[in-house]
Amino acid sequence: MAPYGAQRPEQLTGNMSNVLGNPGKGGFWSDGSEDFYSVAVPFAGGPWTVVASMPEAEIQAVTWRVGSQLAIGSLVTLVLAVLAVIWLLRRKLRPLGDLVEQAQALGAGDLSVRLQVKSHDEIGELSRSFNQMSEALSTMVSRIRSAAGNVSQRAEALSGLSRGCLLYTSDAADDTPCV
């Protein structure tokens, strides 16, 4: 029986000899107008051989269709993977942007700025450390301001005492020192 689509089945036996001579291995052959791919396999338990044939044009069409679908699928998968990576990176790196803003605010003198820490990873640990540093700086500046106020008050008190002593000595007739 000639393969479906063979235009010249009379050339079948001569062209199929290399396919029939290598059972289990396929090969291309031509009927003079179209190329075919055939595989011959001996039938177990009998003297027959089963031959499967398909036109080369049909094989190419299927191959191109499957190849195109694989290429499109791969491209879609790649785009989805890139989008997922971008989303994950933005989500993970957003706290670093907040840390930069906090550092800029601290540099500008705003010691009240604090971050809301939600994560328990390295970035969350860094945020907690930044908050502790901000708190320590705020406490230190507060103590320095308090100490500066105390120094200022004591300087004024000493200044007032020294003015009083000067007044006392200028009123005194003798050169008795102010004690």
Foldseek 3Di string as FASTA:
>chain_A
DADPPAPACVCVVVFCVVQVVDAPDWDWGHSVPFIKIKHWHADPPDRDIDMDIDTPVVVVVVVVVVVVVVVVVVVVVVVVVVVVVVVVCCVVCVLVVVVVVLVVCVVVPPLPDADDQDDDDPSSVVRVVSRVVSVVVVVVVVVVVVVVVVVVVVVVVVVVVVVVQVVVCVPDPDRDHRD
